[in-house]
Amino acid sequence: MRIFFSLLFFTAIYVAAIGQNNTTKTVKNTGVSKTTDSGYNVHITIKPFKNCWIYLGTYYGKNKTLADSAWFNEKSEAIFKGDKKLTGGIYFFVSPSHTLLFEILMDETQQFTVKADSAHLENISITGSKENELFAAYTRYLSTVGPQLNALQTKLKNAKTKADSAAIQQQQIKLNKELNDYRQKLIDEHPESMVAAFFQSVKIPEIKEWPKKPDGSIDSVAAWRYMKEHFWDNVNFYDNRLVHTPFFDPKLDDYFKYYVSAEPDSIIQEVNYMLLSARSGKDIYHYLLGKFTDKYINPELQTR
């Protein structure tokens, strides 16, 4: 009940703050329009799609939502455009058969050009957006490392001996280190970029040296406490863009599952901290408030 009344207080604030809802209209964009500094204007070519609708979507926590759609002409070209800028975050294009094709970023610069071939998505070309140039380069790199990691995981499942497993795990460690080094280099070279902010957000604290008790045994409680204290390092809860990613909500769930006691006092403390931290971010505040209301007003705790 204490959780209920605490969240009820924030619900009252939420209801008072809600204004008119914005609606998204589906418009058949077929012509080339003049690029302006306001709104969004994405000129895109995706082969081989012709004379069909392609959809622009985004993430909203665990869900995916439609942001816009456009008609692709005989040249496989279209323009996604709108008078108001889209909320920053990760967006994706969806084919007529409702298959997710590839992702892009929406930041402050929302006028750029995309060229892609669905048969060779590793060769996506994006011009006019520095953020997307960084993101496309990372995607190309990931297209080479990802299959290798997947192949190693399959090998590990089928390993016959401990020696084979150990050898495969060493290869996995090596590749994961290369991937993390790539991300860290990008963070160091472009610290103010959206890509860097997202890489920081997905980081999990690393215990380089496990704490030990006076008798020399591993202190698992101290290790747990360290993970909890550093779980949200470099994450800004007022950053609305986090809502429009596929990784923020699962990380949030992991935090409450593994690092927050099921006791009401512990949950209330964490919820209050996050909501207060997010209060200057309209989208993420509303999202967190709705998530916590659904999670803790409902009797989920009884099944934990």
C-alpha atoms as a PDB file:
ATOM      1  CA  MET A   1       0.000   0.000   0.000  1.00  0.00           C
ATOM      2  CA  ARG A   2       2.865   2.396   0.662  1.00  0.00           C
ATOM      3  CA  ILE A   3       4.004   1.904  -2.927  1.00  0.00           C
ATOM      4  CA  PHE A   4       0.484   2.606  -4.138  1.00  0.00           C
ATOM      5  CA  PHE A   5       0.149   5.939  -2.306  1.00  0.00           C
ATOM      6  CA  SER A   6       3.666   7.063  -3.274  1.00  0.00           C
ATOM      7  CA  LEU A   7       2.948   6.446  -6.950  1.00  0.00           C
ATOM      8  CA  LEU A   8      -0.485   7.999  -6.610  1.00  0.00           C
ATOM      9  CA  PHE A   9       1.220  11.268  -5.675  1.00  0.00           C
ATOM     10  CA  PHE A  10       3.305  11.215  -8.853  1.00  0.00           C
ATOM     11  CA  THR A  11       0.233  10.232 -10.868  1.00  0.00           C
ATOM     12  CA  ALA A  12      -1.478  13.405  -9.692  1.00  0.00           C
ATOM     13  CA  ILE A  13       1.487  15.463 -10.891  1.00  0.00           C
ATOM     14  CA  TYR A  14       1.442  13.566 -14.180  1.00  0.00           C
ATOM     15  CA  VAL A  15      -2.265  14.184 -14.830  1.00  0.00           C
ATOM     16  CA  ALA A  16      -1.895  17.874 -14.046  1.00  0.00           C
ATOM     17  CA  ALA A  17       1.004  18.174 -16.478  1.00  0.00           C
ATOM     18  CA  ILE A  18      -0.645  16.454 -19.446  1.00  0.00           C
ATOM     19  CA  GLY A  19      -1.584  18.843 -22.232  1.00  0.00           C
ATOM     20  CA  GLN A  20      -3.047  18.221 -25.602  1.00  0.00           C
ATOM     21  CA  ASN A  21      -1.866  15.015 -27.243  1.00  0.00           C
ATOM     22  CA  ASN A  22       0.058  15.186 -30.500  1.00  0.00           C
ATOM     23  CA  THR A  23      -1.149  12.810 -33.220  1.00  0.00           C
ATOM     24  CA  THR A  24       0.916  11.369 -36.026  1.00  0.00           C
ATOM     25  CA  LYS A  25      -0.622  11.438 -39.509  1.00  0.00           C
ATOM     26  CA  THR A  26       0.271   9.105 -42.337  1.00  0.00           C
ATOM     27  CA  VAL A  27       1.107  11.191 -45.403  1.00  0.00           C
ATOM     28  CA  LYS A  28       2.013   9.976 -48.848  1.00  0.00           C
ATOM     29  CA  ASN A  29       5.375  11.702 -49.391  1.00  0.00           C
ATOM     30  CA  THR A  30       6.288  11.435 -53.064  1.00  0.00           C
ATOM     31  CA  GLY A  31       7.950  14.682 -54.043  1.00  0.00           C
ATOM     32  CA  VAL A  32      11.225  16.357 -53.218  1.00  0.00           C
ATOM     33  CA  SER A  33      10.785  19.193 -50.764  1.00  0.00           C
ATOM     34  CA  LYS A  34      13.052  22.026 -49.772  1.00  0.00           C
ATOM     35  CA  THR A  35      15.180  21.229 -46.730  1.00  0.00           C
ATOM     36  CA  THR A  36      14.634  23.536 -43.765  1.00  0.00           C
ATOM     37  CA  ASP A  37      16.140  23.788 -40.311  1.00  0.00           C
ATOM     38  CA  SER A  38      12.808  22.967 -38.659  1.00  0.00           C
ATOM     39  CA  GLY A  39      11.067  19.633 -38.727  1.00  0.00           C
ATOM     40  CA  TYR A  40      12.569  16.525 -40.277  1.00  0.00           C
ATOM     41  CA  ASN A  41      13.361  15.731 -43.895  1.00  0.00           C
ATOM     42  CA  VAL A  42      15.004  12.396 -44.680  1.00  0.00           C
ATOM     43  CA  HIS A  43      15.588  11.728 -48.382  1.00  0.00           C
ATOM     44  CA  ILE A  44      15.996   7.975 -48.708  1.00  0.00           C
ATOM     45  CA  THR A  45      16.690   5.335 -51.318  1.00  0.00           C
ATOM     46  CA  ILE A  46      16.210   1.659 -50.451  1.00  0.00           C
ATOM     47  CA  LYS A  47      16.618  -0.793 -53.297  1.00  0.00           C
ATOM     48  CA  PRO A  48      14.823  -2.791 -54.601  1.00  0.00           C
ATOM     49  CA  PHE A  49      11.583  -1.407 -53.105  1.00  0.00           C
ATOM     50  CA  LYS A  50       9.400   0.361 -55.695  1.00  0.00           C
ATOM     51  CA  ASN A  51       5.806   1.619 -55.721  1.00  0.00           C
ATOM     52  CA  CYS A  52       5.194   0.628 -52.118  1.00  0.00           C
ATOM     53  CA  TRP A  53       4.957   1.983 -48.614  1.00  0.00           C
ATOM     54  CA  ILE A  54       7.931   1.904 -46.272  1.00  0.00           C
ATOM     55  CA  TYR A  55       7.453   2.723 -42.609  1.00  0.00           C
ATOM     56  CA  LEU A  56       9.531   4.709 -40.123  1.00  0.00           C
ATOM     57  CA  GLY A  57       9.252   3.446 -36.576  1.00  0.00           C
ATOM     58  CA  THR A  58      10.902   3.954 -33.226  1.00  0.00           C
ATOM     59  CA  TYR A  59      11.231   2.195 -29.907  1.00  0.00           C
ATOM     60  CA  TYR A  60       9.185   3.103 -26.858  1.00  0.00           C
ATOM     61  CA  GLY A  61      10.572   0.982 -24.083  1.00  0.00           C
ATOM     62  CA  LYS A  62       9.775  -2.642 -24.940  1.00  0.00           C
ATOM     63  CA  ASN A  63       7.371  -1.597 -27.675  1.00  0.00           C
ATOM     64  CA  LYS A  64       7.757  -0.333 -31.228  1.00  0.00           C
ATOM     65  CA  THR A  65       5.665   2.551 -32.533  1.00  0.00           C
ATOM     66  CA  LEU A  66       4.953   4.043 -35.950  1.00  0.00           C
ATOM     67  CA  ALA A  67       6.407   7.510 -36.537  1.00  0.00           C
ATOM     68  CA  ASP A  68       5.733   8.029 -40.257  1.00  0.00           C
ATOM     69  CA  SER A  69       5.364   6.314 -43.625  1.00  0.00           C
ATOM     70  CA  ALA A  70       6.304   7.226 -47.187  1.00  0.00           C
ATOM     71  CA  TRP A  71       5.560   5.999 -50.706  1.00  0.00           C
ATOM     72  CA  PHE A  72       8.580   4.787 -52.656  1.00  0.00           C
ATOM     73  CA  ASN A  73       8.573   5.669 -56.356  1.00  0.00           C
ATOM     74  CA  GLU A  74       9.887   3.826 -59.440  1.00  0.00           C
ATOM     75  CA  LYS A  75      13.449   4.807 -58.499  1.00  0.00           C
ATOM     76  CA  SER A  76      13.141   3.350 -54.985  1.00  0.00           C
ATOM     77  CA  GLU A  77      13.181   6.891 -53.572  1.00  0.00           C
ATOM     78  CA  ALA A  78      11.031   8.625 -50.993  1.00  0.00           C
ATOM     79  CA  ILE A  79      11.076  11.428 -48.450  1.00  0.00           C
ATOM     80  CA  PHE A  80      10.040  11.186 -44.832  1.00  0.00           C
ATOM     81  CA  LYS A  81       9.183  14.688 -43.707  1.00  0.00           C
ATOM     82  CA  GLY A  82       7.294  16.561 -41.047  1.00  0.00           C
ATOM     83  CA  ASP A  83       6.900  20.097 -39.725  1.00  0.00           C
ATOM     84  CA  LYS A  84       8.014  19.175 -36.207  1.00  0.00           C
ATOM     85  CA  LYS A  85      11.210  17.435 -35.238  1.00  0.00           C
ATOM     86  CA  LEU A  86      10.978  13.871 -34.067  1.00  0.00           C
ATOM     87  CA  THR A  87      12.033  13.045 -30.518  1.00  0.00           C
ATOM     88  CA  GLY A  88      15.669  12.020 -30.527  1.00  0.00           C
ATOM     89  CA  GLY A  89      16.522   8.335 -30.342  1.00  0.00           C
ATOM     90  CA  ILE A  90      16.906   5.190 -32.431  1.00  0.00           C
ATOM     91  CA  TYR A  91      14.534   4.825 -35.371  1.00  0.00           C
ATOM     92  CA  PHE A  92      14.167   2.076 -37.959  1.00  0.00           C
ATOM     93  CA  PHE A  93      12.721   1.448 -41.403  1.00  0.00           C
ATOM     94  CA  VAL A  94      10.208  -1.329 -41.957  1.00  0.00           C
ATOM     95  CA  SER A  95       9.496  -3.064 -45.267  1.00  0.00           C
ATOM     96  CA  PRO A  96       6.026  -3.613 -46.790  1.00  0.00           C
ATOM     97  CA  SER A  97       6.121  -7.140 -45.339  1.00  0.00           C
ATOM     98  CA  HIS A  98       6.733  -5.598 -41.893  1.00  0.00           C
ATOM     99  CA  THR A  99      10.363  -6.674 -41.660  1.00  0.00           C
ATOM    100  CA  LEU A 100      12.715  -4.354 -39.805  1.00  0.00           C
ATOM    101  CA  LEU A 101      15.346  -3.281 -42.354  1.00  0.00           C
ATOM    102  CA  PHE A 102      17.877  -1.128 -40.491  1.00  0.00           C
ATOM    103  CA  GLU A 103      18.214   1.545 -37.838  1.00  0.00           C
ATOM    104  CA  ILE A 104      19.172   5.212 -37.901  1.00  0.00           C
ATOM    105  CA  LEU A 105      19.547   7.928 -35.280  1.00  0.00           C
ATOM    106  CA  MET A 106      17.474  11.053 -34.906  1.00  0.00           C
ATOM    107  CA  ASP A 107      19.310  13.873 -33.176  1.00  0.00           C
ATOM    108  CA  GLU A 108      19.127  17.644 -33.608  1.00  0.00           C
ATOM    109  CA  THR A 109      20.069  17.379 -37.301  1.00  0.00           C
ATOM    110  CA  GLN A 110      17.069  15.741 -38.931  1.00  0.00           C
ATOM    111  CA  GLN A 111      17.733  16.648 -42.566  1.00  0.00           C
ATOM    112  CA  PHE A 112      19.936  14.056 -44.236  1.00  0.00           C
ATOM    113  CA  THR A 113      20.142  11.477 -47.032  1.00  0.00           C
ATOM    114  CA  VAL A 114      20.143   7.699 -46.772  1.00  0.00           C
ATOM    115  CA  LYS A 115      21.065   5.231 -49.516  1.00  0.00           C
ATOM    116  CA  ALA A 116      20.736   1.503 -48.946  1.00  0.00           C
ATOM    117  CA  ASP A 117      20.215  -1.825 -50.648  1.00  0.00           C
ATOM    118  CA  SER A 118      18.276  -4.408 -48.645  1.00  0.00           C
ATOM    119  CA  ALA A 119      20.555  -7.129 -50.036  1.00  0.00           C
ATOM    120  CA  HIS A 120      23.688  -5.354 -48.763  1.00  0.00           C
ATOM    121  CA  LEU A 121      22.689  -3.440 -45.654  1.00  0.00           C
ATOM    122  CA  GLU A 122      26.300  -3.423 -44.486  1.00  0.00           C
ATOM    123  CA  ASN A 123      26.930  -0.803 -47.195  1.00  0.00           C
ATOM    124  CA  ILE A 124      24.428   1.807 -46.004  1.00  0.00           C
ATOM    125  CA  SER A 125      25.468   5.348 -46.910  1.00  0.00           C
ATOM    126  CA  ILE A 126      24.260   8.323 -44.854  1.00  0.00           C
ATOM    127  CA  THR A 127      25.247  11.910 -45.621  1.00  0.00           C
ATOM    128  CA  GLY A 128      24.357  15.146 -43.859  1.00  0.00           C
ATOM    129  CA  SER A 129      24.259  13.695 -40.355  1.00  0.00           C
ATOM    130  CA  LYS A 130      27.460  13.275 -38.376  1.00  0.00           C
ATOM    131  CA  GLU A 131      25.670  11.146 -35.786  1.00  0.00           C
ATOM    132  CA  ASN A 132      24.443   8.725 -38.429  1.00  0.00           C
ATOM    133  CA  GLU A 133      27.830   8.582 -40.101  1.00  0.00           C
ATOM    134  CA  LEU A 134      29.278   7.413 -36.765  1.00  0.00           C
ATOM    135  CA  PHE A 135      26.384   5.020 -36.241  1.00  0.00           C
ATOM    136  CA  ALA A 136      26.655   3.591 -39.780  1.00  0.00           C
ATOM    137  CA  ALA A 137      30.392   3.004 -39.314  1.00  0.00           C
ATOM    138  CA  TYR A 138      29.688   1.153 -36.063  1.00  0.00           C
ATOM    139  CA  THR A 139      26.928  -0.865 -37.748  1.00  0.00           C
ATOM    140  CA  ARG A 140      29.326  -1.897 -40.508  1.00  0.00           C
ATOM    141  CA  TYR A 141      31.898  -2.938 -37.912  1.00  0.00           C
ATOM    142  CA  LEU A 142      29.255  -4.854 -35.966  1.00  0.00           C
ATOM    143  CA  SER A 143      28.184  -6.677 -39.141  1.00  0.00           C
ATOM    144  CA  THR A 144      31.624  -8.324 -39.184  1.00  0.00           C
ATOM    145  CA  VAL A 145      32.047  -8.985 -35.451  1.00  0.00           C
ATOM    146  CA  GLY A 146      28.450 -10.025 -34.711  1.00  0.00           C
ATOM    147  CA  PRO A 147      28.402 -13.136 -36.940  1.00  0.00           C
ATOM    148  CA  GLN A 148      31.743 -14.225 -35.494  1.00  0.00           C
ATOM    149  CA  LEU A 149      30.411 -13.978 -31.937  1.00  0.00           C
ATOM    150  CA  ASN A 150      27.261 -15.874 -32.909  1.00  0.00           C
ATOM    151  CA  ALA A 151      29.325 -18.604 -34.563  1.00  0.00           C
ATOM    152  CA  LEU A 152      31.495 -18.946 -31.455  1.00  0.00           C
ATOM    153  CA  GLN A 153      28.415 -19.219 -29.266  1.00  0.00           C
ATOM    154  CA  THR A 154      27.157 -22.070 -31.437  1.00  0.00           C
ATOM    155  CA  LYS A 155      30.538 -23.781 -31.239  1.00  0.00           C
ATOM    156  CA  LEU A 156      30.535 -23.425 -27.474  1.00  0.00           C
ATOM    157  CA  LYS A 157      27.185 -25.197 -27.201  1.00  0.00           C
ATOM    158  CA  ASN A 158      28.532 -28.083 -29.278  1.00  0.00           C
ATOM    159  CA  ALA A 159      31.968 -28.296 -27.644  1.00  0.00           C
ATOM    160  CA  LYS A 160      32.965 -31.855 -26.744  1.00  0.00           C
ATOM    161  CA  THR A 161      35.658 -31.233 -24.125  1.00  0.00           C
ATOM    162  CA  LYS A 162      36.548 -28.707 -21.454  1.00  0.00           C
ATOM    163  CA  ALA A 163      39.648 -27.801 -23.435  1.00  0.00           C
ATOM    164  CA  ASP A 164      37.534 -27.000 -26.495  1.00  0.00           C
ATOM    165  CA  SER A 165      35.175 -24.872 -24.399  1.00  0.00           C
ATOM    166  CA  ALA A 166      38.080 -22.985 -22.826  1.00  0.00           C
ATOM    167  CA  ALA A 167      39.608 -22.250 -26.238  1.00  0.00           C
ATOM    168  CA  ILE A 168      36.307 -20.959 -27.614  1.00  0.00           C
ATOM    169  CA  GLN A 169      35.710 -18.806 -24.540  1.00  0.00           C
ATOM    170  CA  GLN A 170      39.124 -17.196 -25.006  1.00  0.00           C
ATOM    171  CA  GLN A 171      38.159 -16.302 -28.571  1.00  0.00           C
ATOM    172  CA  GLN A 172      34.906 -14.807 -27.288  1.00  0.00           C
ATOM    173  CA  ILE A 173      36.777 -12.742 -24.702  1.00  0.00           C
ATOM    174  CA  LYS A 174      39.147 -11.474 -27.387  1.00  0.00           C
ATOM    175  CA  LEU A 175      36.334 -10.443 -29.760  1.00  0.00           C
ATOM    176  CA  ASN A 176      34.277  -8.852 -26.986  1.00  0.00           C
ATOM    177  CA  LYS A 177      37.326  -6.856 -25.926  1.00  0.00           C
ATOM    178  CA  GLU A 178      37.800  -5.634 -29.497  1.00  0.00           C
ATOM    179  CA  LEU A 179      34.129  -4.608 -29.606  1.00  0.00           C
ATOM    180  CA  ASN A 180      34.336  -2.781 -26.275  1.00  0.00           C
ATOM    181  CA  ASP A 181      37.584  -1.099 -27.350  1.00  0.00           C
ATOM    182  CA  TYR A 182      35.861   0.148 -30.511  1.00  0.00           C
ATOM    183  CA  ARG A 183      33.021   1.617 -28.455  1.00  0.00           C
ATOM    184  CA  GLN A 184      35.402   3.190 -25.942  1.00  0.00           C
ATOM    185  CA  LYS A 185      37.465   4.764 -28.721  1.00  0.00           C
ATOM    186  CA  LEU A 186      34.332   6.318 -30.178  1.00  0.00           C
ATOM    187  CA  ILE A 187      33.337   7.617 -26.737  1.00  0.00           C
ATOM    188  CA  ASP A 188      36.795   9.147 -26.249  1.00  0.00           C
ATOM    189  CA  GLU A 189      36.900  10.743 -29.709  1.00  0.00           C
ATOM    190  CA  HIS A 190      33.262  11.919 -29.816  1.00  0.00           C
ATOM    191  CA  PRO A 191      32.238  12.348 -26.152  1.00  0.00           C
ATOM    192  CA  GLU A 192      29.323  14.711 -26.920  1.00  0.00           C
ATOM    193  CA  SER A 193      27.748  12.497 -29.577  1.00  0.00           C
ATOM    194  CA  MET A 194      24.483  10.613 -29.205  1.00  0.00           C
ATOM    195  CA  VAL A 195      26.283   7.398 -30.105  1.00  0.00           C
ATOM    196  CA  ALA A 196      28.686   7.921 -27.193  1.00  0.00           C
ATOM    197  CA  ALA A 197      25.779   8.637 -24.829  1.00  0.00           C
ATOM    198  CA  PHE A 198      24.080   5.408 -25.874  1.00  0.00           C
ATOM    199  CA  PHE A 199      27.287   3.392 -25.508  1.00  0.00           C
ATOM    200  CA  GLN A 200      27.696   4.809 -22.006  1.00  0.00           C
ATOM    201  CA  SER A 201      24.102   3.880 -21.189  1.00  0.00           C
ATOM    202  CA  VAL A 202      24.497   0.205 -22.082  1.00  0.00           C
ATOM    203  CA  LYS A 203      27.698  -0.250 -20.097  1.00  0.00           C
ATOM    204  CA  ILE A 204      27.610  -2.693 -17.216  1.00  0.00           C
ATOM    205  CA  PRO A 205      30.011  -2.021 -14.315  1.00  0.00           C
ATOM    206  CA  GLU A 206      33.152  -4.095 -14.528  1.00  0.00           C
ATOM    207  CA  ILE A 207      34.781  -5.439 -11.393  1.00  0.00           C
ATOM    208  CA  LYS A 208      38.460  -5.479 -12.263  1.00  0.00           C
ATOM    209  CA  GLU A 209      39.505  -6.919  -8.912  1.00  0.00           C
ATOM    210  CA  TRP A 210      36.999  -8.823  -6.821  1.00  0.00           C
ATOM    211  CA  PRO A 211      36.787  -7.594  -3.203  1.00  0.00           C
ATOM    212  CA  LYS A 212      37.826 -10.057  -0.542  1.00  0.00           C
ATOM    213  CA  LYS A 213      36.957 -10.686   3.078  1.00  0.00           C
ATOM    214  CA  PRO A 214      39.659 -10.601   5.786  1.00  0.00           C
ATOM    215  CA  ASP A 215      40.005 -14.392   5.468  1.00  0.00           C
ATOM    216  CA  GLY A 216      40.834 -14.036   1.750  1.00  0.00           C
ATOM    217  CA  SER A 217      37.543 -15.388   0.384  1.00  0.00           C
ATOM    218  CA  ILE A 218      35.507 -13.473  -2.204  1.00  0.00           C
ATOM    219  CA  ASP A 219      33.226 -10.832  -0.684  1.00  0.00           C
ATOM    220  CA  SER A 220      30.124 -11.279  -2.869  1.00  0.00           C
ATOM    221  CA  VAL A 221      28.139  -8.707  -0.874  1.00  0.00           C
ATOM    222  CA  ALA A 222      30.748  -6.002  -1.510  1.00  0.00           C
ATOM    223  CA  ALA A 223      30.789  -6.964  -5.201  1.00  0.00           C
ATOM    224  CA  TRP A 224      26.989  -6.723  -5.364  1.00  0.00           C
ATOM    225  CA  ARG A 225      27.088  -3.337  -3.637  1.00  0.00           C
ATOM    226  CA  TYR A 226      29.682  -2.063  -6.121  1.00  0.00           C
ATOM    227  CA  MET A 227      27.552  -3.173  -9.085  1.00  0.00           C
ATOM    228  CA  LYS A 228      24.489  -1.465  -7.629  1.00  0.00           C
ATOM    229  CA  GLU A 229      26.302   1.805  -6.889  1.00  0.00           C
ATOM    230  CA  HIS A 230      27.787   2.048 -10.388  1.00  0.00           C
ATOM    231  CA  PHE A 231      24.961   0.520 -12.431  1.00  0.00           C
ATOM    232  CA  TRP A 232      23.749   3.917 -13.654  1.00  0.00           C
ATOM    233  CA  ASP A 233      27.098   5.657 -14.074  1.00  0.00           C
ATOM    234  CA  ASN A 234      27.006   8.135 -16.992  1.00  0.00           C
ATOM    235  CA  VAL A 235      23.239   7.677 -17.477  1.00  0.00           C
ATOM    236  CA  ASN A 236      21.081  10.815 -17.350  1.00  0.00           C
ATOM    237  CA  PHE A 237      17.528   9.981 -16.373  1.00  0.00           C
ATOM    238  CA  TYR A 238      16.280  13.244 -17.881  1.00  0.00           C
ATOM    239  CA  ASP A 239      17.497  12.222 -21.351  1.00  0.00           C
ATOM    240  CA  ASN A 240      14.296  11.674 -23.358  1.00  0.00           C
ATOM    241  CA  ARG A 241      16.218   9.832 -26.058  1.00  0.00           C
ATOM    242  CA  LEU A 242      16.673   6.801 -23.791  1.00  0.00           C
ATOM    243  CA  VAL A 243      12.979   5.964 -24.049  1.00  0.00           C
ATOM    244  CA  HIS A 244      13.414   5.580 -27.806  1.00  0.00           C
ATOM    245  CA  THR A 245      16.027   2.828 -27.580  1.00  0.00           C
ATOM    246  CA  PRO A 246      15.713  -0.965 -27.277  1.00  0.00           C
ATOM    247  CA  PHE A 247      18.149  -1.241 -24.357  1.00  0.00           C
ATOM    248  CA  PHE A 248      17.020   1.190 -21.638  1.00  0.00           C
ATOM    249  CA  ASP A 249      13.905  -0.686 -20.504  1.00  0.00           C
ATOM    250  CA  PRO A 250      15.627  -4.119 -20.213  1.00  0.00           C
ATOM    251  CA  LYS A 251      18.447  -2.520 -18.222  1.00  0.00           C
ATOM    252  CA  LEU A 252      15.877  -0.908 -15.945  1.00  0.00           C
ATOM    253  CA  ASP A 253      14.194  -4.275 -15.390  1.00  0.00           C
ATOM    254  CA  ASP A 254      17.532  -5.936 -14.626  1.00  0.00           C
ATOM    255  CA  TYR A 255      18.336  -3.271 -12.037  1.00  0.00           C
ATOM    256  CA  PHE A 256      15.097  -3.774 -10.121  1.00  0.00           C
ATOM    257  CA  LYS A 257      15.346  -7.562 -10.446  1.00  0.00           C
ATOM    258  CA  TYR A 258      18.923  -8.002  -9.251  1.00  0.00           C
ATOM    259  CA  TYR A 259      19.818  -4.896  -7.225  1.00  0.00           C
ATOM    260  CA  VAL A 260      16.642  -3.660  -5.525  1.00  0.00           C
ATOM    261  CA  SER A 261      15.055  -5.460  -2.601  1.00  0.00           C
ATOM    262  CA  ALA A 262      11.391  -6.425  -2.982  1.00  0.00           C
ATOM    263  CA  GLU A 263      10.687  -4.572   0.256  1.00  0.00           C
ATOM    264  CA  PRO A 264       8.326  -1.602  -0.326  1.00  0.00           C
ATOM    265  CA  ASP A 265      10.691   0.903   1.347  1.00  0.00           C
ATOM    266  CA  SER A 266      13.531  -0.060  -1.016  1.00  0.00           C
ATOM    267  CA  ILE A 267      11.332   0.146  -4.103  1.00  0.00           C
ATOM    268  CA  ILE A 268       9.838   3.513  -3.081  1.00  0.00           C
ATOM    269  CA  GLN A 269      13.321   4.966  -2.547  1.00  0.00           C
ATOM    270  CA  GLU A 270      14.492   3.893  -6.005  1.00  0.00           C
ATOM    271  CA  VAL A 271      11.296   4.986  -7.756  1.00  0.00           C
ATOM    272  CA  ASN A 272      11.351   8.405  -6.090  1.00  0.00           C
ATOM    273  CA  TYR A 273      15.009   8.922  -7.001  1.00  0.00           C
ATOM    274  CA  MET A 274      14.470   8.040 -10.649  1.00  0.00           C
ATOM    275  CA  LEU A 275      11.324  10.134 -11.035  1.00  0.00           C
ATOM    276  CA  LEU A 276      12.947  13.138  -9.386  1.00  0.00           C
ATOM    277  CA  SER A 277      16.012  12.741 -11.601  1.00  0.00           C
ATOM    278  CA  ALA A 278      13.806  12.499 -14.703  1.00  0.00           C
ATOM    279  CA  ARG A 279      11.462  15.379 -13.897  1.00  0.00           C
ATOM    280  CA  SER A 280      13.059  17.770 -16.413  1.00  0.00           C
ATOM    281  CA  GLY A 281      12.655  15.236 -19.238  1.00  0.00           C
ATOM    282  CA  LYS A 282       8.975  15.216 -20.209  1.00  0.00           C
ATOM    283  CA  ASP A 283       8.963  12.014 -22.276  1.00  0.00           C
ATOM    284  CA  ILE A 284      11.112   9.883 -20.008  1.00  0.00           C
ATOM    285  CA  TYR A 285       9.368  11.134 -16.862  1.00  0.00           C
ATOM    286  CA  HIS A 286       5.967  10.160 -18.229  1.00  0.00           C
ATOM    287  CA  TYR A 287       7.330   6.829 -19.393  1.00  0.00           C
ATOM    288  CA  LEU A 288       8.904   5.964 -16.027  1.00  0.00           C
ATOM    289  CA  LEU A 289       5.797   7.062 -14.158  1.00  0.00           C
ATOM    290  CA  GLY A 290       3.603   4.846 -16.313  1.00  0.00           C
ATOM    291  CA  LYS A 291       5.986   1.898 -16.033  1.00  0.00           C
ATOM    292  CA  PHE A 292       6.264   2.092 -12.255  1.00  0.00           C
ATOM    293  CA  THR A 293       2.521   2.570 -11.867  1.00  0.00           C
ATOM    294  CA  ASP A 294       1.793  -0.540 -13.955  1.00  0.00           C
ATOM    295  CA  LYS A 295       4.503  -2.544 -12.235  1.00  0.00           C
ATOM    296  CA  TYR A 296       3.822  -1.772  -8.588  1.00  0.00           C
ATOM    297  CA  ILE A 297       0.163  -0.835  -8.325  1.00  0.00           C
ATOM    298  CA  ASN A 298      -0.572  -4.224  -9.868  1.00  0.00           C
ATOM    299  CA  PRO A 299       0.121  -7.156  -7.483  1.00  0.00           C
ATOM    300  CA  GLU A 300       3.352  -8.168  -9.248  1.00  0.00           C
ATOM    301  CA  LEU A 301       5.273  -8.271  -5.982  1.00  0.00           C
ATOM    302  CA  GLN A 302       3.239 -11.254  -4.843  1.00  0.00           C
ATOM    303  CA  THR A 303       4.773 -13.397  -7.604  1.00  0.00           C
ATOM    304  CA  ARG A 304       8.403 -12.385  -7.111  1.00  0.00           C
END
